[in-house]
Amino acid sequence: MCGPYRGDFMPDQKPVFHRILLKISGEALAGSQGRGLDFAIIEEVCRAIKDCADLGVEVGVVVGGGNFWRGAKDGGGKIERTRSDYMGMLGIVMNCLALADVLERLGAEVRVQTALEMRAIAEPYIRLRAMRHLGKGRIVLFGCGTGNPYFSTDTAAVLRAAEIGADVILLAKNVDGIYSADPRVDPKAVKYDNISYDDVLAQHLNAMDSTATSLSMDNHIPVILFALEDPQNIVRVVLGEKLGTVIRT
């Protein structure tokens, strides 16, 4: 079991956020295998999440389900879109249960809430109950996205962040920031340290989908997109280190 501070972090360091909404892609939990669950990676991610909670930060988490099923993409027109999206929500719940189990073994208090009722394995999502859990220092994992088809888990992350009054949305992705073009294709691509929501939408940059970006802009919630390659980047951002790209008005 890890202690509350790891690596270069010192006990007197103070977080710059009180309450965060962390969004993790499902693919990140699969590691190099691309599908399923890589528990070595999951443990590192959970250690970083617990480190944040140990710093006194209230942590809500939305996780994707792409390591099991990617709605319209995996359905490929062979499954009706609504049903395919619900299948993706079930994959999200599996990820939430895996994260909850590892977090609890690390000594964290965790609650899983789902937008679709699954009372045998999780609480139904109730905003005030979620906020009560957060206030008591419990990590809350939000499953099933928004509970509606046609909406991404990025949109779910922004929705939950707005509902719980999060100070910031942390997007832990497989890239280290937002670029003017795909850096794997265009060597002249420029990384942005800061960018506005309007510019993200106008330039069609691949940060979040347009619905999530607009919802975040309308609710004035800043977004920090950074690389999950080192899960301790989550803690570094919480402690104020400048990583990735900040999106704000």
Foldseek 3Di string as FASTA:
>chain_A
DDDLDDDPDDPPQAFPWAEEEEEEEQQQQCPPVRADGDVVSLLQLLSLVSSCLSNNHQYEYEYWQRNHADQPVRCVPVDPRFVSLQVRLVSRVVVVVSSCVSNVVVPAAEFEEECDDDPVRHHHDDLVVSLVCSVVSHYYYYTSQNVGTPDGNLLSSLVSCLSNVTQAYEYADQAFAWWLDPCVVDVPIDGALEDELVVCVVSVTPDDPNNSSVSCAVSFHKYFYGYCPRSNVSVVVRSPHRTYHIYGD
